[in-house]
């Protein structure tokens, strides 16, 4: 019984050590800042898509794409809040609706 408890403690201590190493490796890591025109428009343009094409891919109007891009750029909406616009995760279109390779 004591050997089993020692083994569990050993495994747990190794797991904690590995977790601490991972967390420490992230210290100082800088996340990318949002592009001036917002992520949605930046990525859409990088994929050479029009607002109408993105809207068709998402099943929403070109006007809603324009509103989304404008609100994200002026800071009144974030990518996380964007899913609320149509009750779906609008970021999913990059890889769920049709396969698009981002290089």
PDB file of N, CA and C in Angstrom:
ATOM      1  N   UNK A   1       0.819  -1.195   0.000  1.00  0.00           N
ATOM      2  CA  UNK A   1       0.000   0.000   0.000  1.00  0.00           C
ATOM      3  C   UNK A   1       0.868   1.266   0.000  1.00  0.00           C
ATOM      4  N   UNK A   2       1.906   1.268   0.854  1.00  0.00           N
ATOM      5  CA  UNK A   2       2.787   2.435   0.925  1.00  0.00           C
ATOM      6  C   UNK A   2       3.528   2.626  -0.395  1.00  0.00           C
ATOM      7  N   UNK A   3       3.890   1.535  -1.052  1.00  0.00           N
ATOM      8  CA  UNK A   3       4.588   1.613  -2.335  1.00  0.00           C
ATOM      9  C   UNK A   3       3.680   2.251  -3.386  1.00  0.00           C
ATOM     10  N   UNK A   4       2.394   1.908  -3.363  1.00  0.00           N
ATOM     11  CA  UNK A   4       1.427   2.457  -4.304  1.00  0.00           C
ATOM     12  C   UNK A   4       1.268   3.975  -4.090  1.00  0.00           C
ATOM     13  N   UNK A   5       1.182   4.411  -2.820  1.00  0.00           N
ATOM     14  CA  UNK A   5       1.060   5.836  -2.522  1.00  0.00           C
ATOM     15  C   UNK A   5       2.302   6.597  -2.952  1.00  0.00           C
ATOM     16  N   UNK A   6       3.466   5.994  -2.750  1.00  0.00           N
ATOM     17  CA  UNK A   6       4.726   6.618  -3.168  1.00  0.00           C
ATOM     18  C   UNK A   6       4.739   6.769  -4.687  1.00  0.00           C
ATOM     19  N   UNK A   7       4.271   5.760  -5.397  1.00  0.00           N
ATOM     20  CA  UNK A   7       4.222   5.796  -6.856  1.00  0.00           C
ATOM     21  C   UNK A   7       3.288   6.892  -7.340  1.00  0.00           C
ATOM     22  N   UNK A   8       2.121   7.026  -6.722  1.00  0.00           N
ATOM     23  CA  UNK A   8       1.169   8.074  -7.095  1.00  0.00           C
ATOM     24  C   UNK A   8       1.766   9.459  -6.848  1.00  0.00           C
ATOM     25  N   UNK A   9       2.451   9.619  -5.706  1.00  0.00           N
ATOM     26  CA  UNK A   9       3.073  10.890  -5.381  1.00  0.00           C
ATOM     27  C   UNK A   9       4.156  11.225  -6.407  1.00  0.00           C
ATOM     28  N   UNK A  10       4.930  10.240  -6.791  1.00  0.00           N
ATOM     29  CA  UNK A  10       6.009  10.439  -7.759  1.00  0.00           C
ATOM     30  C   UNK A  10       5.448  10.892  -9.110  1.00  0.00           C
ATOM     31  N   UNK A  11       4.410  10.224  -9.569  1.00  0.00           N
ATOM     32  CA  UNK A  11       3.787  10.585 -10.847  1.00  0.00           C
ATOM     33  C   UNK A  11       3.204  11.990 -10.767  1.00  0.00           C
ATOM     34  N   UNK A  12       2.528  12.299  -9.663  1.00  0.00           N
ATOM     35  CA  UNK A  12       1.929  13.623  -9.496  1.00  0.00           C
ATOM     36  C   UNK A  12       3.001  14.709  -9.460  1.00  0.00           C
ATOM     37  N   UNK A  13       4.114  14.448  -8.776  1.00  0.00           N
ATOM     38  CA  UNK A  13       5.173  15.457  -8.686  1.00  0.00           C
ATOM     39  C   UNK A  13       5.822  15.695 -10.044  1.00  0.00           C
ATOM     40  N   UNK A  14       5.948  14.664 -10.859  1.00  0.00           N
ATOM     41  CA  UNK A  14       6.498  14.826 -12.209  1.00  0.00           C
ATOM     42  C   UNK A  14       5.528  15.640 -13.062  1.00  0.00           C
ATOM     43  N   UNK A  15       4.237  15.346 -12.956  1.00  0.00           N
ATOM     44  CA  UNK A  15       3.231  16.085 -13.726  1.00  0.00           C
ATOM     45  C   UNK A  15       3.243  17.566 -13.339  1.00  0.00           C
ATOM     46  N   UNK A  16       3.353  17.858 -12.063  1.00  0.00           N
ATOM     47  CA  UNK A  16       3.398  19.255 -11.603  1.00  0.00           C
ATOM     48  C   UNK A  16       4.659  19.940 -12.116  1.00  0.00           C
ATOM     49  N   UNK A  17       5.779  19.250 -12.066  1.00  0.00           N
ATOM     50  CA  UNK A  17       7.036  19.815 -12.569  1.00  0.00           C
ATOM     51  C   UNK A  17       6.921  20.141 -14.056  1.00  0.00           C
ATOM     52  N   UNK A  18       6.351  19.225 -14.840  1.00  0.00           N
ATOM     53  CA  UNK A  18       6.196  19.454 -16.273  1.00  0.00           C
ATOM     54  C   UNK A  18       5.258  20.627 -16.548  1.00  0.00           C
ATOM     55  N   UNK A  19       4.185  20.732 -15.770  1.00  0.00           N
ATOM     56  CA  UNK A  19       3.246  21.839 -15.927  1.00  0.00           C
ATOM     57  C   UNK A  19       3.931  23.163 -15.615  1.00  0.00           C
ATOM     58  N   UNK A  20       4.713  23.208 -14.545  1.00  0.00           N
ATOM     59  CA  UNK A  20       5.439  24.430 -14.194  1.00  0.00           C
ATOM     60  C   UNK A  20       6.404  24.829 -15.309  1.00  0.00           C
ATOM     61  N   UNK A  21       7.074  23.851 -15.915  1.00  0.00           N
ATOM     62  CA  UNK A  21       7.999  24.131 -17.014  1.00  0.00           C
ATOM     63  C   UNK A  21       7.253  24.730 -18.207  1.00  0.00           C
ATOM     64  N   UNK A  22       6.086  24.175 -18.521  1.00  0.00           N
ATOM     65  CA  UNK A  22       5.274  24.700 -19.634  1.00  0.00           C
ATOM     66  C   UNK A  22       4.846  26.138 -19.360  1.00  0.00           C
ATOM     67  N   UNK A  23       4.330  26.382 -18.158  1.00  0.00           N
ATOM     68  CA  UNK A  23       3.868  27.720 -17.800  1.00  0.00           C
ATOM     69  C   UNK A  23       5.035  28.705 -17.836  1.00  0.00           C
ATOM     70  N   UNK A  24       6.168  28.322 -17.282  1.00  0.00           N
ATOM     71  CA  UNK A  24       7.333  29.201 -17.274  1.00  0.00           C
ATOM     72  C   UNK A  24       7.823  29.503 -18.686  1.00  0.00           C
ATOM     73  N   UNK A  25       7.651  28.568 -19.605  1.00  0.00           N
ATOM     74  CA  UNK A  25       8.086  28.813 -20.978  1.00  0.00           C
ATOM     75  C   UNK A  25       7.198  29.853 -21.671  1.00  0.00           C
ATOM     76  N   UNK A  26       5.996  30.068 -21.151  1.00  0.00           N
ATOM     77  CA  UNK A  26       5.077  31.044 -21.735  1.00  0.00           C
ATOM     78  C   UNK A  26       5.296  32.459 -21.206  1.00  0.00           C
ATOM     79  N   UNK A  27       6.055  32.582 -20.129  1.00  0.00           N
ATOM     80  CA  UNK A  27       6.309  33.907 -19.564  1.00  0.00           C
ATOM     81  C   UNK A  27       7.075  34.730 -20.598  1.00  0.00           C
ATOM     82  N   UNK A  28       6.589  35.897 -20.843  1.00  0.00           N
ATOM     83  CA  UNK A  28       7.228  36.777 -21.814  1.00  0.00           C
ATOM     84  C   UNK A  28       6.723  36.576 -23.233  1.00  0.00           C
ATOM     85  N   UNK A  29       5.886  35.573 -23.446  1.00  0.00           N
ATOM     86  CA  UNK A  29       5.317  35.338 -24.766  1.00  0.00           C
ATOM     87  C   UNK A  29       4.320  36.443 -25.073  1.00  0.00           C
ATOM     88  N   UNK A  30       4.475  37.056 -26.192  1.00  0.00           N
ATOM     89  CA  UNK A  30       3.580  38.151 -26.572  1.00  0.00           C
ATOM     90  C   UNK A  30       2.570  37.668 -27.594  1.00  0.00           C
ATOM     91  N   UNK A  31       1.322  37.952 -27.317  1.00  0.00           N
ATOM     92  CA  UNK A  31       0.268  37.608 -28.252  1.00  0.00           C
ATOM     93  C   UNK A  31       0.222  38.671 -29.342  1.00  0.00           C
ATOM     94  N   UNK A  32      -0.159  38.287 -30.540  1.00  0.00           N
ATOM     95  CA  UNK A  32      -0.223  39.289 -31.609  1.00  0.00           C
ATOM     96  C   UNK A  32      -1.288  40.339 -31.306  1.00  0.00           C
ATOM     97  N   UNK A  33      -0.992  41.571 -31.670  1.00  0.00           N
ATOM     98  CA  UNK A  33      -1.980  42.630 -31.491  1.00  0.00           C
ATOM     99  C   UNK A  33      -2.933  42.622 -32.675  1.00  0.00           C
ATOM    100  N   UNK A  34      -4.130  43.112 -32.438  1.00  0.00           N
ATOM    101  CA  UNK A  34      -5.138  43.111 -33.495  1.00  0.00           C
ATOM    102  C   UNK A  34      -4.716  44.065 -34.613  1.00  0.00           C
ATOM    103  N   UNK A  35      -4.837  43.618 -35.866  1.00  0.00           N
ATOM    104  CA  UNK A  35      -4.555  44.519 -36.985  1.00  0.00           C
ATOM    105  C   UNK A  35      -5.488  45.722 -36.955  1.00  0.00           C
ATOM    106  N   UNK A  36      -5.050  46.848 -37.513  1.00  0.00           N
ATOM    107  CA  UNK A  36      -5.817  48.094 -37.497  1.00  0.00           C
ATOM    108  C   UNK A  36      -7.235  47.905 -38.034  1.00  0.00           C
ATOM    109  N   UNK A  37      -7.376  47.103 -39.089  1.00  0.00           N
ATOM    110  CA  UNK A  37      -8.702  46.913 -39.678  1.00  0.00           C
ATOM    111  C   UNK A  37      -9.437  45.693 -39.118  1.00  0.00           C
ATOM    112  N   UNK A  38      -8.878  45.038 -38.105  1.00  0.00           N
ATOM    113  CA  UNK A  38      -9.526  43.902 -37.462  1.00  0.00           C
ATOM    114  C   UNK A  38      -9.117  42.575 -38.081  1.00  0.00           C
ATOM    115  N   UNK A  39      -9.307  41.498 -37.307  1.00  0.00           N
ATOM    116  CA  UNK A  39      -8.915  40.162 -37.765  1.00  0.00           C
ATOM    117  C   UNK A  39      -9.780  39.663 -38.912  1.00  0.00           C
ATOM    118  N   UNK A  40     -11.082  39.874 -38.808  1.00  0.00           N
ATOM    119  CA  UNK A  40     -11.994  39.320 -39.814  1.00  0.00           C
ATOM    120  C   UNK A  40     -11.653  39.872 -41.196  1.00  0.00           C
ATOM    121  N   UNK A  41     -11.534  41.187 -41.299  1.00  0.00           N
ATOM    122  CA  UNK A  41     -11.228  41.788 -42.605  1.00  0.00           C
ATOM    123  C   UNK A  41      -9.825  41.413 -43.075  1.00  0.00           C
ATOM    124  N   UNK A  42      -8.865  41.411 -42.154  1.00  0.00           N
ATOM    125  CA  UNK A  42      -7.490  41.067 -42.513  1.00  0.00           C
ATOM    126  C   UNK A  42      -7.413  39.652 -43.081  1.00  0.00           C
ATOM    127  N   UNK A  43      -8.062  38.716 -42.422  1.00  0.00           N
ATOM    128  CA  UNK A  43      -8.037  37.326 -42.886  1.00  0.00           C
ATOM    129  C   UNK A  43      -8.832  37.173 -44.177  1.00  0.00           C
ATOM    130  N   UNK A  44      -9.987  37.845 -44.253  1.00  0.00           N
ATOM    131  CA  UNK A  44     -10.790  37.788 -45.483  1.00  0.00           C
ATOM    132  C   UNK A  44      -9.983  38.286 -46.675  1.00  0.00           C
ATOM    133  N   UNK A  45      -9.297  39.405 -46.500  1.00  0.00           N
ATOM    134  CA  UNK A  45      -8.498  39.954 -47.591  1.00  0.00           C
ATOM    135  C   UNK A  45      -7.292  39.065 -47.911  1.00  0.00           C
ATOM    136  N   UNK A  46      -6.705  38.457 -46.888  1.00  0.00           N
ATOM    137  CA  UNK A  46      -5.579  37.546 -47.121  1.00  0.00           C
ATOM    138  C   UNK A  46      -6.017  36.339 -47.951  1.00  0.00           C
ATOM    139  N   UNK A  47      -7.269  35.943 -47.786  1.00  0.00           N
ATOM    140  CA  UNK A  47      -7.820  34.826 -48.562  1.00  0.00           C
ATOM    141  C   UNK A  47      -8.378  35.291 -49.909  1.00  0.00           C
ATOM    142  N   UNK A  48      -8.238  36.593 -50.183  1.00  0.00           N
ATOM    143  CA  UNK A  48      -8.708  37.195 -51.423  1.00  0.00           C
ATOM    144  C   UNK A  48     -10.206  36.945 -51.627  1.00  0.00           C
ATOM    145  N   UNK A  49     -10.971  37.164 -50.551  1.00  0.00           N
ATOM    146  CA  UNK A  49     -12.413  36.980 -50.604  1.00  0.00           C
ATOM    147  C   UNK A  49     -13.096  38.340 -50.498  1.00  0.00           C
ATOM    148  N   UNK A  50     -14.198  38.483 -51.172  1.00  0.00           N
ATOM    149  CA  UNK A  50     -15.015  39.691 -51.017  1.00  0.00           C
ATOM    150  C   UNK A  50     -15.926  39.503 -49.806  1.00  0.00           C
ATOM    151  N   UNK A  51     -16.527  40.599 -49.374  1.00  0.00           N
ATOM    152  CA  UNK A  51     -17.489  40.503 -48.282  1.00  0.00           C
ATOM    153  C   UNK A  51     -18.671  39.622 -48.653  1.00  0.00           C
ATOM    154  N   UNK A  52     -19.079  39.682 -49.917  1.00  0.00           N
ATOM    155  CA  UNK A  52     -20.189  38.848 -50.384  1.00  0.00           C
ATOM    156  C   UNK A  52     -19.802  37.361 -50.345  1.00  0.00           C
ATOM    157  N   UNK A  53     -18.568  37.056 -50.734  1.00  0.00           N
ATOM    158  CA  UNK A  53     -18.125  35.657 -50.706  1.00  0.00           C
ATOM    159  C   UNK A  53     -18.060  35.132 -49.281  1.00  0.00           C
ATOM    160  N   UNK A  54     -17.534  35.946 -48.371  1.00  0.00           N
ATOM    161  CA  UNK A  54     -17.481  35.533 -46.964  1.00  0.00           C
ATOM    162  C   UNK A  54     -18.894  35.358 -46.417  1.00  0.00           C
ATOM    163  N   UNK A  55     -19.771  36.306 -46.742  1.00  0.00           N
ATOM    164  CA  UNK A  55     -21.162  36.189 -46.299  1.00  0.00           C
ATOM    165  C   UNK A  55     -21.821  34.922 -46.802  1.00  0.00           C
ATOM    166  N   UNK A  56     -21.579  34.588 -48.077  1.00  0.00           N
ATOM    167  CA  UNK A  56     -22.153  33.361 -48.648  1.00  0.00           C
ATOM    168  C   UNK A  56     -21.611  32.130 -47.932  1.00  0.00           C
ATOM    169  N   UNK A  57     -20.336  32.156 -47.613  1.00  0.00           N
ATOM    170  CA  UNK A  57     -19.703  31.015 -46.927  1.00  0.00           C
ATOM    171  C   UNK A  57     -20.274  30.848 -45.521  1.00  0.00           C
ATOM    172  N   UNK A  58     -20.605  31.974 -44.883  1.00  0.00           N
ATOM    173  CA  UNK A  58     -21.144  31.928 -43.524  1.00  0.00           C
ATOM    174  C   UNK A  58     -22.658  31.825 -43.483  1.00  0.00           C
ATOM    175  N   UNK A  59     -23.297  32.064 -44.639  1.00  0.00           N
ATOM    176  CA  UNK A  59     -24.752  32.035 -44.668  1.00  0.00           C
ATOM    177  C   UNK A  59     -25.378  33.297 -44.097  1.00  0.00           C
ATOM    178  N   UNK A  60     -24.648  34.413 -44.189  1.00  0.00           N
ATOM    179  CA  UNK A  60     -25.177  35.694 -43.738  1.00  0.00           C
ATOM    180  C   UNK A  60     -24.971  36.725 -44.853  1.00  0.00           C
ATOM    181  N   UNK A  61     -25.591  37.877 -44.709  1.00  0.00           N
ATOM    182  CA  UNK A  61     -25.529  38.880 -45.769  1.00  0.00           C
ATOM    183  C   UNK A  61     -24.178  39.596 -45.797  1.00  0.00           C
ATOM    184  N   UNK A  62     -23.883  40.166 -46.953  1.00  0.00           N
ATOM    185  CA  UNK A  62     -22.682  40.972 -47.113  1.00  0.00           C
ATOM    186  C   UNK A  62     -22.727  42.159 -46.154  1.00  0.00           C
ATOM    187  N   UNK A  63     -23.921  42.700 -45.940  1.00  0.00           N
ATOM    188  CA  UNK A  63     -24.089  43.826 -45.021  1.00  0.00           C
ATOM    189  C   UNK A  63     -23.679  43.441 -43.597  1.00  0.00           C
ATOM    190  N   UNK A  64     -24.041  42.240 -43.147  1.00  0.00           N
ATOM    191  CA  UNK A  64     -23.657  41.796 -41.805  1.00  0.00           C
ATOM    192  C   UNK A  64     -22.141  41.636 -41.705  1.00  0.00           C
ATOM    193  N   UNK A  65     -21.505  41.189 -42.781  1.00  0.00           N
ATOM    194  CA  UNK A  65     -20.040  41.079 -42.790  1.00  0.00           C
ATOM    195  C   UNK A  65     -19.438  42.465 -42.624  1.00  0.00           C
ATOM    196  N   UNK A  66     -19.972  43.437 -43.357  1.00  0.00           N
ATOM    197  CA  UNK A  66     -19.482  44.814 -43.273  1.00  0.00           C
ATOM    198  C   UNK A  66     -19.638  45.360 -41.851  1.00  0.00           C
ATOM    199  N   UNK A  67     -20.783  45.110 -41.241  1.00  0.00           N
ATOM    200  CA  UNK A  67     -21.030  45.572 -39.870  1.00  0.00           C
ATOM    201  C   UNK A  67     -20.065  44.896 -38.906  1.00  0.00           C
ATOM    202  N   UNK A  68     -19.888  43.602 -39.052  1.00  0.00           N
ATOM    203  CA  UNK A  68     -18.966  42.847 -38.201  1.00  0.00           C
ATOM    204  C   UNK A  68     -17.555  43.400 -38.312  1.00  0.00           C
ATOM    205  N   UNK A  69     -17.076  43.600 -39.528  1.00  0.00           N
ATOM    206  CA  UNK A  69     -15.725  44.112 -39.735  1.00  0.00           C
ATOM    207  C   UNK A  69     -15.580  45.517 -39.139  1.00  0.00           C
ATOM    208  N   UNK A  70     -16.561  46.371 -39.345  1.00  0.00           N
ATOM    209  CA  UNK A  70     -16.499  47.742 -38.839  1.00  0.00           C
ATOM    210  C   UNK A  70     -16.509  47.751 -37.309  1.00  0.00           C
ATOM    211  N   UNK A  71     -17.384  46.960 -36.708  1.00  0.00           N
ATOM    212  CA  UNK A  71     -17.465  46.926 -35.244  1.00  0.00           C
ATOM    213  C   UNK A  71     -16.211  46.334 -34.622  1.00  0.00           C
ATOM    214  N   UNK A  72     -15.634  45.333 -35.264  1.00  0.00           N
ATOM    215  CA  UNK A  72     -14.396  44.769 -34.722  1.00  0.00           C
ATOM    216  C   UNK A  72     -13.265  45.791 -34.822  1.00  0.00           C
ATOM    217  N   UNK A  73     -13.168  46.500 -35.946  1.00  0.00           N
ATOM    218  CA  UNK A  73     -12.097  47.477 -36.148  1.00  0.00           C
ATOM    219  C   UNK A  73     -12.203  48.650 -35.171  1.00  0.00           C
ATOM    220  N   UNK A  74     -13.421  49.084 -34.859  1.00  0.00           N
ATOM    221  CA  UNK A  74     -13.547  50.229 -33.942  1.00  0.00           C
ATOM    222  C   UNK A  74     -13.562  49.800 -32.475  1.00  0.00           C
ATOM    223  N   UNK A  75     -13.480  48.500 -32.236  1.00  0.00           N
ATOM    224  CA  UNK A  75     -13.362  47.995 -30.872  1.00  0.00           C
ATOM    225  C   UNK A  75     -14.668  47.793 -30.146  1.00  0.00           C
ATOM    226  N   UNK A  76     -15.795  47.981 -30.826  1.00  0.00           N
ATOM    227  CA  UNK A  76     -17.078  47.814 -30.142  1.00  0.00           C
ATOM    228  C   UNK A  76     -17.517  46.350 -30.078  1.00  0.00           C
ATOM    229  N   UNK A  77     -16.766  45.473 -30.730  1.00  0.00           N
ATOM    230  CA  UNK A  77     -17.041  44.039 -30.663  1.00  0.00           C
ATOM    231  C   UNK A  77     -15.706  43.308 -30.765  1.00  0.00           C
ATOM    232  N   UNK A  78     -15.614  42.162 -30.105  1.00  0.00           N
ATOM    233  CA  UNK A  78     -14.409  41.343 -30.191  1.00  0.00           C
ATOM    234  C   UNK A  78     -14.728  40.075 -30.962  1.00  0.00           C
ATOM    235  N   UNK A  79     -13.696  39.352 -31.338  1.00  0.00           N
ATOM    236  CA  UNK A  79     -13.911  38.086 -32.050  1.00  0.00           C
ATOM    237  C   UNK A  79     -14.778  37.157 -31.211  1.00  0.00           C
ATOM    238  N   UNK A  80     -14.546  37.106 -29.914  1.00  0.00           N
ATOM    239  CA  UNK A  80     -15.338  36.238 -29.045  1.00  0.00           C
ATOM    240  C   UNK A  80     -16.805  36.642 -29.025  1.00  0.00           C
ATOM    241  N   UNK A  81     -17.090  37.926 -29.117  1.00  0.00           N
ATOM    242  CA  UNK A  81     -18.469  38.397 -29.111  1.00  0.00           C
ATOM    243  C   UNK A  81     -19.131  38.215 -30.474  1.00  0.00           C
ATOM    244  N   UNK A  82     -18.348  38.069 -31.521  1.00  0.00           N
ATOM    245  CA  UNK A  82     -18.885  37.955 -32.867  1.00  0.00           C
ATOM    246  C   UNK A  82     -19.804  36.777 -33.045  1.00  0.00           C
ATOM    247  N   UNK A  83     -19.582  35.720 -32.301  1.00  0.00           N
ATOM    248  CA  UNK A  83     -20.417  34.528 -32.425  1.00  0.00           C
ATOM    249  C   UNK A  83     -21.865  34.829 -32.059  1.00  0.00           C
ATOM    250  N   UNK A  84     -22.086  35.851 -31.251  1.00  0.00           N
ATOM    251  CA  UNK A  84     -23.434  36.201 -30.809  1.00  0.00           C
ATOM    252  C   UNK A  84     -24.255  36.782 -31.957  1.00  0.00           C
ATOM    253  N   UNK A  85     -23.588  37.367 -32.963  1.00  0.00           N
ATOM    254  CA  UNK A  85     -24.313  38.022 -34.050  1.00  0.00           C
ATOM    255  C   UNK A  85     -25.312  37.093 -34.729  1.00  0.00           C
ATOM    256  N   UNK A  86     -24.945  35.858 -34.938  1.00  0.00           N
ATOM    257  CA  UNK A  86     -25.830  34.918 -35.618  1.00  0.00           C
ATOM    258  C   UNK A  86     -25.966  33.600 -34.866  1.00  0.00           C
ATOM    259  N   UNK A  87     -25.659  33.624 -33.589  1.00  0.00           N
ATOM    260  CA  UNK A  87     -25.738  32.420 -32.761  1.00  0.00           C
ATOM    261  C   UNK A  87     -24.937  31.261 -33.331  1.00  0.00           C
ATOM    262  N   UNK A  88     -23.805  31.560 -33.946  1.00  0.00           N
ATOM    263  CA  UNK A  88     -22.908  30.504 -34.391  1.00  0.00           C
ATOM    264  C   UNK A  88     -21.489  31.034 -34.342  1.00  0.00           C
ATOM    265  N   UNK A  89     -20.559  30.144 -34.295  1.00  0.00           N
ATOM    266  CA  UNK A  89     -19.158  30.538 -34.216  1.00  0.00           C
ATOM    267  C   UNK A  89     -18.688  30.916 -35.607  1.00  0.00           C
ATOM    268  N   UNK A  90     -18.638  32.209 -35.897  1.00  0.00           N
ATOM    269  CA  UNK A  90     -18.315  32.647 -37.246  1.00  0.00           C
ATOM    270  C   UNK A  90     -16.879  32.343 -37.642  1.00  0.00           C
ATOM    271  N   UNK A  91     -16.012  32.013 -36.702  1.00  0.00           N
ATOM    272  CA  UNK A  91     -14.643  31.653 -37.062  1.00  0.00           C
ATOM    273  C   UNK A  91     -14.569  30.251 -37.647  1.00  0.00           C
ATOM    274  N   UNK A  92     -15.582  29.445 -37.408  1.00  0.00           N
ATOM    275  CA  UNK A  92     -15.582  28.080 -37.897  1.00  0.00           C
ATOM    276  C   UNK A  92     -15.535  27.964 -39.410  1.00  0.00           C
ATOM    277  N   UNK A  93     -15.906  29.016 -40.125  1.00  0.00           N
ATOM    278  CA  UNK A  93     -15.935  28.945 -41.583  1.00  0.00           C
ATOM    279  C   UNK A  93     -14.570  28.697 -42.174  1.00  0.00           C
ATOM    280  N   UNK A  94     -13.507  29.031 -41.469  1.00  0.00           N
ATOM    281  CA  UNK A  94     -12.175  28.847 -42.036  1.00  0.00           C
ATOM    282  C   UNK A  94     -11.868  27.382 -42.308  1.00  0.00           C
ATOM    283  N   UNK A  95     -12.437  26.499 -41.531  1.00  0.00           N
ATOM    284  CA  UNK A  95     -12.087  25.098 -41.706  1.00  0.00           C
ATOM    285  C   UNK A  95     -13.258  24.146 -41.637  1.00  0.00           C
ATOM    286  N   UNK A  96     -14.446  24.593 -41.282  1.00  0.00           N
ATOM    287  CA  UNK A  96     -15.557  23.675 -41.152  1.00  0.00           C
ATOM    288  C   UNK A  96     -16.489  23.663 -42.365  1.00  0.00           C
ATOM    289  N   UNK A  97     -16.789  24.816 -42.918  1.00  0.00           N
ATOM    290  CA  UNK A  97     -17.746  24.864 -44.032  1.00  0.00           C
ATOM    291  C   UNK A  97     -17.174  24.181 -45.269  1.00  0.00           C
ATOM    292  N   UNK A  98     -15.989  24.568 -45.652  1.00  0.00           N
ATOM    293  CA  UNK A  98     -15.270  23.932 -46.751  1.00  0.00           C
ATOM    294  C   UNK A  98     -13.799  23.992 -46.390  1.00  0.00           C
ATOM    295  N   UNK A  99     -13.056  23.056 -46.854  1.00  0.00           N
ATOM    296  CA  UNK A  99     -11.650  23.010 -46.502  1.00  0.00           C
ATOM    297  C   UNK A  99     -10.870  24.108 -47.212  1.00  0.00           C
ATOM    298  N   UNK A 100     -10.251  24.978 -46.430  1.00  0.00           N
ATOM    299  CA  UNK A 100      -9.396  26.030 -46.975  1.00  0.00           C
ATOM    300  C   UNK A 100      -8.056  25.907 -46.263  1.00  0.00           C
ATOM    301  N   UNK A 101      -6.992  25.835 -47.007  1.00  0.00           N
ATOM    302  CA  UNK A 101      -5.681  25.759 -46.396  1.00  0.00           C
ATOM    303  C   UNK A 101      -5.134  27.165 -46.188  1.00  0.00           C
ATOM    304  N   UNK A 102      -4.763  27.465 -44.949  1.00  0.00           N
ATOM    305  CA  UNK A 102      -4.122  28.731 -44.648  1.00  0.00           C
ATOM    306  C   UNK A 102      -2.628  28.477 -44.635  1.00  0.00           C
ATOM    307  N   UNK A 103      -1.904  29.137 -45.496  1.00  0.00           N
ATOM    308  CA  UNK A 103      -0.454  28.919 -45.587  1.00  0.00           C
ATOM    309  C   UNK A 103       0.266  30.064 -44.932  1.00  0.00           C
TER     310      UNK A 103
END
